[in-house]
Protein backbone atom coordinates (compact mmCIF):
# COMPACT_ATOMS: atom_id res chain seq x y z
CA MET A 1 43.48 194.91 66.75
CA ILE A 2 44.23 198.51 67.57
CA ASP A 3 46.50 198.57 64.73
CA ALA A 4 43.02 197.73 62.73
CA ILE A 5 41.04 200.26 64.23
CA ILE A 6 43.57 203.26 64.08
CA GLY A 7 43.80 201.97 60.18
CA SER A 8 40.47 201.94 59.42
CA PHE A 9 39.60 205.61 61.23
CA LEU A 10 42.86 206.63 59.11
CA THR A 11 41.51 205.37 55.73
CA ILE A 12 38.05 206.91 56.26
CA PHE A 13 39.84 210.28 57.23
CA PHE A 14 41.91 210.38 54.16
CA THR A 15 38.74 209.23 52.16
CA ILE A 16 37.32 212.97 53.54
CA ILE A 17 39.70 214.80 52.91
CA PHE A 18 39.80 212.91 49.38
CA LEU A 19 36.19 213.50 48.51
CA TYR A 20 36.32 217.38 49.79
CA LYS A 21 38.49 218.12 47.56
CA TRP A 22 36.58 216.84 44.70
CA ILE A 23 33.84 218.97 46.27
CA VAL A 24 35.86 221.88 46.11
CA ILE A 25 36.93 221.74 42.55
CA ILE A 26 33.48 220.61 41.71
CA SER A 27 32.36 223.78 43.61
CA ALA A 28 34.74 226.07 42.04
CA LEU A 29 34.14 225.00 38.30
CA LEU A 30 30.30 225.80 38.74
CA THR A 31 30.88 228.71 40.08
CA TRP A 32 32.10 229.97 36.63
CA VAL A 33 28.65 228.70 34.81
CA ARG A 34 26.35 230.66 36.84
CA PRO A 35 24.49 227.68 37.68
CA ASP A 36 20.67 227.73 39.61
CA PRO A 37 21.26 229.00 43.41
CA TYR A 38 17.65 227.19 43.80
CA ASN A 39 19.01 223.57 42.66
CA PRO A 40 19.46 221.44 45.57
CA ILE A 41 22.64 220.20 44.64
CA VAL A 42 24.23 223.33 43.98
CA GLN A 43 23.09 224.77 47.27
CA MET A 44 24.54 221.50 49.11
CA LEU A 45 27.92 222.45 47.66
CA TYR A 46 27.34 226.43 48.61
CA ARG A 47 26.52 224.96 52.25
CA LEU A 48 29.75 222.48 52.37
CA THR A 49 32.34 224.98 50.91
CA GLU A 50 31.12 228.16 51.91
CA PRO A 51 32.17 228.49 55.52
CA VAL A 52 35.37 226.83 54.78
CA TYR A 53 36.25 229.76 52.26
CA ALA A 54 35.20 232.21 54.43
CA LYS A 55 37.31 231.10 57.08
CA ILE A 56 40.07 231.47 54.54
CA ARG A 57 39.15 234.88 53.67
CA GLN A 58 38.84 236.56 57.25
CA TYR A 59 42.53 235.22 57.58
CA ILE A 60 44.00 235.78 53.68
CA PRO A 61 42.82 238.83 50.87
CA THR A 62 42.01 236.26 48.06
CA THR A 63 40.55 238.17 45.70
CA PHE A 64 42.80 238.97 42.70
CA GLY A 65 41.92 240.52 39.59
CA GLY A 66 38.32 239.38 39.84
CA LEU A 67 39.59 235.53 40.52
CA ASP A 68 38.67 234.10 44.16
CA LEU A 69 41.74 232.22 45.04
CA ALA A 70 40.05 230.37 48.19
CA PRO A 71 39.44 227.35 46.65
CA LEU A 72 43.07 226.92 45.40
CA ILE A 73 44.07 227.92 48.88
CA LEU A 74 42.16 225.26 50.42
CA ILE A 75 43.22 222.55 48.06
CA PHE A 76 46.72 223.14 48.61
CA ALA A 77 46.03 223.17 52.36
CA LEU A 78 43.79 219.98 52.45
CA ILE A 79 46.97 218.34 50.34
CA PHE A 80 49.33 219.46 52.80
CA LEU A 81 46.96 217.84 55.34
CA GLU A 82 46.60 214.61 54.16
CA THR A 83 50.58 214.59 53.18
CA PHE A 84 51.28 215.54 57.04
CA LEU A 85 49.15 212.82 58.13
CA GLN A 86 50.09 210.23 56.56
CA LYS A 87 53.85 210.93 56.63
CA LEU A 88 53.60 211.53 60.05
CA LEU A 89 51.34 208.77 60.97
CA LEU A 90 51.75 205.76 58.27
CA GLY A 91 55.80 206.49 58.18
């Protein structure tokens, strides 16, 4: 019973990480086309990603040659977290 509950929570957690990776990718791709900043979808993506980007930029310089690497660093961190937790918790 406990194993099923823990497994369900882990599945939800890993699904959230998977979806957030896609949110970061879509948000990064949208910066290349300059979308309408008043679009509700663009605003939602900005609200979901910008606080995390700001935290990364606070500790690591992420702009090189006009290219912001904060989304790439975040994706690598999410992949590391996902892989680490899978190996640690699921064996």
